[in-house]
Amino acid sequence: MKLFFLTRLENFAVRMLVRSPRVGFIALKQMDGPFVFIAADPMDDHPLDTEGEQVRQLERIWRNS
């Protein structure tokens, strides 16, 4: 996994976060761009549902960016 809009250090940090057992979801958006990267752990006990508070919070973040 290498995101072209991130630097080497940022790619390394994302890779470390994705591998962490304490991180269940990561969303990255290119600044002033249309690209969004989402990584979710399928083993998460509380997955992101389609209509919960987490989804509404992500939508607010998306609209404000």
C-alpha atoms as a PDB file:
ATOM      1  CA  MET A   1       0.000   0.000   0.000  1.00  0.00           C
ATOM      2  CA  LYS A   2       1.483   3.303  -1.075  1.00  0.00           C
ATOM      3  CA  LEU A   3      -0.606   6.426  -1.376  1.00  0.00           C
ATOM      4  CA  PHE A   4       0.827   8.661  -4.080  1.00  0.00           C
ATOM      5  CA  PHE A   5      -0.279  11.897  -2.434  1.00  0.00           C
ATOM      6  CA  LEU A   6       1.660  11.220   0.799  1.00  0.00           C
ATOM      7  CA  THR A   7       5.359  11.573   1.529  1.00  0.00           C
ATOM      8  CA  ARG A   8       7.493   8.572   2.477  1.00  0.00           C
ATOM      9  CA  LEU A   9       7.227   9.425   6.158  1.00  0.00           C
ATOM     10  CA  GLU A  10       3.438   9.815   5.940  1.00  0.00           C
ATOM     11  CA  ASN A  11       3.132   6.495   4.077  1.00  0.00           C
ATOM     12  CA  PHE A  12       5.216   4.833   6.787  1.00  0.00           C
ATOM     13  CA  ALA A  13       2.995   6.314   9.518  1.00  0.00           C
ATOM     14  CA  VAL A  14      -0.184   5.115   7.762  1.00  0.00           C
ATOM     15  CA  ARG A  15       1.310   1.649   7.328  1.00  0.00           C
ATOM     16  CA  MET A  16       2.110   1.499  11.054  1.00  0.00           C
ATOM     17  CA  LEU A  17      -1.406   2.640  11.998  1.00  0.00           C
ATOM     18  CA  VAL A  18      -3.055   0.083   9.718  1.00  0.00           C
ATOM     19  CA  ARG A  19      -1.026  -2.726  11.301  1.00  0.00           C
ATOM     20  CA  SER A  20      -1.792  -1.646  14.858  1.00  0.00           C
ATOM     21  CA  PRO A  21      -4.217  -3.906  16.745  1.00  0.00           C
ATOM     22  CA  ARG A  22      -5.690  -0.819  18.456  1.00  0.00           C
ATOM     23  CA  VAL A  23      -6.759   0.947  15.238  1.00  0.00           C
ATOM     24  CA  GLY A  24      -9.996  -0.167  13.590  1.00  0.00           C
ATOM     25  CA  PHE A  25     -10.576   2.492  10.943  1.00  0.00           C
ATOM     26  CA  ILE A  26      -8.491   5.025   9.006  1.00  0.00           C
ATOM     27  CA  ALA A  27      -9.774   7.524   6.435  1.00  0.00           C
ATOM     28  CA  LEU A  28      -7.394   9.755   4.469  1.00  0.00           C
ATOM     29  CA  LYS A  29      -8.361  12.405   1.938  1.00  0.00           C
ATOM     30  CA  GLN A  30      -6.020  14.211  -0.386  1.00  0.00           C
ATOM     31  CA  MET A  31      -5.977  17.926   0.425  1.00  0.00           C
ATOM     32  CA  ASP A  32      -7.998  19.795  -2.239  1.00  0.00           C
ATOM     33  CA  GLY A  33      -8.430  16.573  -4.174  1.00  0.00           C
ATOM     34  CA  PRO A  34     -11.052  13.918  -4.807  1.00  0.00           C
ATOM     35  CA  PHE A  35      -9.064  10.911  -3.567  1.00  0.00           C
ATOM     36  CA  VAL A  36     -10.083   9.159  -0.365  1.00  0.00           C
ATOM     37  CA  PHE A  37      -8.387   6.111   1.149  1.00  0.00           C
ATOM     38  CA  ILE A  38     -10.244   4.049   3.728  1.00  0.00           C
ATOM     39  CA  ALA A  39      -8.861   1.107   5.686  1.00  0.00           C
ATOM     40  CA  ALA A  40     -11.064  -0.787   8.129  1.00  0.00           C
ATOM     41  CA  ASP A  41     -10.207  -3.822  10.236  1.00  0.00           C
ATOM     42  CA  PRO A  42     -12.653  -6.641   9.413  1.00  0.00           C
ATOM     43  CA  MET A  43     -12.064  -8.169  12.857  1.00  0.00           C
ATOM     44  CA  ASP A  44     -13.352  -5.050  14.664  1.00  0.00           C
ATOM     45  CA  ASP A  45     -16.057  -5.912  17.225  1.00  0.00           C
ATOM     46  CA  HIS A  46     -17.905  -2.662  16.448  1.00  0.00           C
ATOM     47  CA  PRO A  47     -17.772  -2.253  12.668  1.00  0.00           C
ATOM     48  CA  LEU A  48     -18.849   0.949  10.986  1.00  0.00           C
ATOM     49  CA  ASP A  49     -22.566   0.599  10.292  1.00  0.00           C
ATOM     50  CA  THR A  50     -24.390   2.402   7.514  1.00  0.00           C
ATOM     51  CA  GLU A  51     -26.610   4.626   9.654  1.00  0.00           C
ATOM     52  CA  GLY A  52     -24.876   5.115  13.009  1.00  0.00           C
ATOM     53  CA  GLU A  53     -23.374   8.156  14.694  1.00  0.00           C
ATOM     54  CA  GLN A  54     -19.933   7.300  13.302  1.00  0.00           C
ATOM     55  CA  VAL A  55     -21.193   7.611   9.735  1.00  0.00           C
ATOM     56  CA  ARG A  56     -22.812  10.973  10.462  1.00  0.00           C
ATOM     57  CA  GLN A  57     -19.588  12.199  12.052  1.00  0.00           C
ATOM     58  CA  LEU A  58     -17.546  11.126   9.009  1.00  0.00           C
ATOM     59  CA  GLU A  59     -20.038  12.870   6.726  1.00  0.00           C
ATOM     60  CA  ARG A  60     -19.648  16.096   8.733  1.00  0.00           C
ATOM     61  CA  ILE A  61     -15.859  15.841   8.472  1.00  0.00           C
ATOM     62  CA  TRP A  62     -16.125  15.207   4.724  1.00  0.00           C
ATOM     63  CA  ARG A  63     -18.404  18.199   4.140  1.00  0.00           C
ATOM     64  CA  ASN A  64     -16.213  20.525   6.211  1.00  0.00           C
ATOM     65  CA  SER A  65     -12.991  19.564   4.431  1.00  0.00           C
END
